[in-house]
Amino acid sequence: MFDIIDGTIGRIPGLGTLLDIFGVYLAYQMCGPLGIAYAWEIIDLTDQLDGFVPTLTLLYLISPKEE
């Protein structure tokens, strides 16, 4: 759901960067240290290119799960 928000509302310059910063925190909480990889989205200051990649979803799918 967060990637959908980031791909729509997150395209607004400024707001998208704030969402990306929150996304790093969220990714770290959901995926552990692997979630830091979400920080690549902060690099795109235009907030246009990173909206096409569902980074949080991909990180969650590849992160090891505790059972």
N, C-alpha and C. Protein backbone atom coordinates (compact mmCIF):
# COMPACT_ATOMS: atom_id res chain seq x y z
N MET A 1 0.82 -1.19 0.00
CA MET A 1 0.00 0.00 0.00
C MET A 1 0.87 1.26 0.00
N PHE A 2 1.99 1.20 0.74
CA PHE A 2 2.86 2.37 0.81
C PHE A 2 3.44 2.70 -0.56
N ASP A 3 3.78 1.69 -1.35
CA ASP A 3 4.32 1.95 -2.69
C ASP A 3 3.28 2.59 -3.60
N ILE A 4 2.02 2.28 -3.42
CA ILE A 4 0.96 2.92 -4.21
C ILE A 4 0.87 4.40 -3.84
N ILE A 5 0.92 4.69 -2.55
CA ILE A 5 0.89 6.09 -2.10
C ILE A 5 2.11 6.83 -2.61
N ASP A 6 3.28 6.18 -2.54
CA ASP A 6 4.51 6.82 -3.01
C ASP A 6 4.48 7.06 -4.52
N GLY A 7 3.82 6.18 -5.26
CA GLY A 7 3.75 6.33 -6.71
C GLY A 7 2.71 7.33 -7.17
N THR A 8 1.80 7.74 -6.28
CA THR A 8 0.77 8.70 -6.66
C THR A 8 0.98 10.03 -5.95
N ILE A 9 0.66 10.09 -4.69
CA ILE A 9 0.81 11.32 -3.92
C ILE A 9 2.27 11.69 -3.76
N GLY A 10 3.15 10.69 -3.73
CA GLY A 10 4.57 10.93 -3.55
C GLY A 10 5.27 11.58 -4.72
N ARG A 11 4.55 11.82 -5.79
CA ARG A 11 5.15 12.49 -6.96
C ARG A 11 5.18 13.99 -6.80
N ILE A 12 4.55 14.50 -5.76
CA ILE A 12 4.58 15.94 -5.49
C ILE A 12 5.96 16.28 -4.91
N PRO A 13 6.72 17.14 -5.59
CA PRO A 13 8.06 17.47 -5.08
C PRO A 13 8.00 18.00 -3.64
N GLY A 14 8.89 17.54 -2.84
CA GLY A 14 8.91 17.91 -1.43
C GLY A 14 8.18 16.88 -0.59
N LEU A 15 6.90 16.68 -0.89
CA LEU A 15 6.12 15.68 -0.16
C LEU A 15 6.67 14.29 -0.44
N GLY A 16 7.09 14.05 -1.67
CA GLY A 16 7.66 12.75 -2.02
C GLY A 16 8.94 12.47 -1.27
N THR A 17 9.75 13.48 -1.07
CA THR A 17 10.99 13.31 -0.31
C THR A 17 10.68 12.99 1.15
N LEU A 18 9.69 13.65 1.73
CA LEU A 18 9.29 13.35 3.10
C LEU A 18 8.76 11.92 3.20
N LEU A 19 7.99 11.49 2.22
CA LEU A 19 7.50 10.10 2.21
C LEU A 19 8.66 9.12 2.08
N ASP A 20 9.67 9.47 1.31
CA ASP A 20 10.83 8.59 1.15
C ASP A 20 11.61 8.46 2.46
N ILE A 21 11.72 9.56 3.19
CA ILE A 21 12.41 9.51 4.49
C ILE A 21 11.62 8.63 5.45
N PHE A 22 10.31 8.79 5.48
CA PHE A 22 9.47 7.92 6.32
C PHE A 22 9.55 6.48 5.83
N GLY A 23 9.66 6.30 4.51
CA GLY A 23 9.75 4.96 3.93
C GLY A 23 10.99 4.21 4.38
N VAL A 24 12.09 4.91 4.59
CA VAL A 24 13.31 4.27 5.10
C VAL A 24 13.04 3.71 6.50
N TYR A 25 12.40 4.50 7.35
CA TYR A 25 12.05 4.03 8.69
C TYR A 25 11.11 2.83 8.61
N LEU A 26 10.08 2.93 7.79
CA LEU A 26 9.12 1.85 7.65
C LEU A 26 9.77 0.58 7.11
N ALA A 27 10.62 0.73 6.11
CA ALA A 27 11.31 -0.42 5.53
C ALA A 27 12.23 -1.08 6.55
N TYR A 28 12.89 -0.27 7.37
CA TYR A 28 13.76 -0.84 8.40
C TYR A 28 12.94 -1.62 9.42
N GLN A 29 11.78 -1.11 9.78
CA GLN A 29 10.93 -1.80 10.74
C GLN A 29 10.37 -3.11 10.17
N MET A 30 10.06 -3.12 8.88
CA MET A 30 9.46 -4.30 8.26
C MET A 30 10.50 -5.33 7.82
N CYS A 31 11.67 -4.87 7.38
CA CYS A 31 12.63 -5.77 6.73
C CYS A 31 13.96 -5.88 7.47
N GLY A 32 14.12 -5.16 8.57
CA GLY A 32 15.39 -5.18 9.28
C GLY A 32 16.43 -4.36 8.55
N PRO A 33 17.71 -4.70 8.75
CA PRO A 33 18.79 -3.91 8.13
C PRO A 33 18.70 -3.82 6.60
N LEU A 34 18.07 -4.79 5.97
CA LEU A 34 17.89 -4.74 4.52
C LEU A 34 17.04 -3.53 4.11
N GLY A 35 16.21 -3.06 5.00
CA GLY A 35 15.34 -1.92 4.72
C GLY A 35 16.09 -0.63 4.45
N ILE A 36 17.35 -0.55 4.86
CA ILE A 36 18.15 0.65 4.59
C ILE A 36 18.32 0.86 3.08
N ALA A 37 18.20 -0.20 2.31
CA ALA A 37 18.31 -0.10 0.85
C ALA A 37 17.22 0.81 0.27
N TYR A 38 16.16 1.04 1.02
CA TYR A 38 15.09 1.93 0.57
C TYR A 38 15.59 3.37 0.41
N ALA A 39 16.70 3.68 1.07
CA ALA A 39 17.22 5.05 1.05
C ALA A 39 17.61 5.51 -0.35
N TRP A 40 17.75 4.59 -1.31
CA TRP A 40 18.09 5.01 -2.67
C TRP A 40 17.01 5.96 -3.23
N GLU A 41 15.78 5.84 -2.74
CA GLU A 41 14.70 6.69 -3.25
C GLU A 41 14.87 8.16 -2.87
N ILE A 42 15.61 8.44 -1.81
CA ILE A 42 15.84 9.83 -1.40
C ILE A 42 16.73 10.55 -2.41
N ILE A 43 17.55 9.82 -3.13
CA ILE A 43 18.48 10.42 -4.10
C ILE A 43 17.73 11.15 -5.21
N ASP A 44 16.57 10.61 -5.61
CA ASP A 44 15.78 11.23 -6.69
C ASP A 44 15.03 12.44 -6.14
N LEU A 45 15.61 13.61 -6.26
CA LEU A 45 15.00 14.83 -5.71
C LEU A 45 13.80 15.30 -6.51
N THR A 46 13.63 14.81 -7.73
CA THR A 46 12.45 15.20 -8.52
C THR A 46 11.21 14.42 -8.10
N ASP A 47 11.38 13.33 -7.40
CA ASP A 47 10.29 12.46 -6.94
C ASP A 47 9.46 11.89 -8.09
N GLN A 48 10.06 11.76 -9.25
CA GLN A 48 9.35 11.22 -10.40
C GLN A 48 9.79 9.80 -10.75
N LEU A 49 11.08 9.55 -10.77
CA LEU A 49 11.59 8.24 -11.19
C LEU A 49 11.36 7.14 -10.17
N ASP A 50 11.52 7.45 -8.89
CA ASP A 50 11.40 6.40 -7.88
C ASP A 50 9.97 5.91 -7.69
N GLY A 51 8.99 6.61 -8.20
CA GLY A 51 7.60 6.18 -8.09
C GLY A 51 7.27 4.97 -8.94
N PHE A 52 8.13 4.64 -9.91
CA PHE A 52 7.89 3.51 -10.79
C PHE A 52 8.39 2.19 -10.23
N VAL A 53 9.20 2.25 -9.18
CA VAL A 53 9.79 1.04 -8.60
C VAL A 53 9.16 0.78 -7.24
N PRO A 54 8.47 -0.36 -7.07
CA PRO A 54 7.85 -0.67 -5.77
C PRO A 54 8.90 -1.20 -4.78
N THR A 55 9.76 -0.32 -4.33
CA THR A 55 10.92 -0.71 -3.54
C THR A 55 10.54 -1.43 -2.25
N LEU A 56 9.61 -0.89 -1.49
CA LEU A 56 9.25 -1.51 -0.21
C LEU A 56 8.66 -2.90 -0.42
N THR A 57 7.85 -3.06 -1.43
CA THR A 57 7.29 -4.38 -1.73
C THR A 57 8.38 -5.37 -2.09
N LEU A 58 9.31 -4.95 -2.93
CA LEU A 58 10.40 -5.85 -3.32
C LEU A 58 11.28 -6.21 -2.13
N LEU A 59 11.60 -5.23 -1.29
CA LEU A 59 12.42 -5.52 -0.11
C LEU A 59 11.71 -6.49 0.82
N TYR A 60 10.42 -6.31 0.99
CA TYR A 60 9.65 -7.21 1.87
C TYR A 60 9.64 -8.63 1.31
N LEU A 61 9.50 -8.76 0.00
CA LEU A 61 9.46 -10.10 -0.60
C LEU A 61 10.79 -10.84 -0.50
N ILE A 62 11.90 -10.10 -0.56
CA ILE A 62 13.20 -10.79 -0.51
C ILE A 62 13.79 -10.86 0.89
N SER A 63 13.19 -10.19 1.86
CA SER A 63 13.75 -10.21 3.21
C SER A 63 13.44 -11.55 3.89
N PRO A 64 14.39 -12.04 4.68
CA PRO A 64 14.15 -13.32 5.38
C PRO A 64 13.07 -13.15 6.43
N LYS A 65 12.20 -14.12 6.52
CA LYS A 65 11.08 -14.09 7.48
C LYS A 65 11.41 -14.97 8.67
N GLU A 66 11.02 -14.50 9.86
CA GLU A 66 11.18 -15.31 11.06
C GLU A 66 9.95 -16.18 11.21
N GLU A 67 10.20 -17.43 11.52
CA GLU A 67 9.06 -18.35 11.69
C GLU A 67 9.03 -18.94 13.07
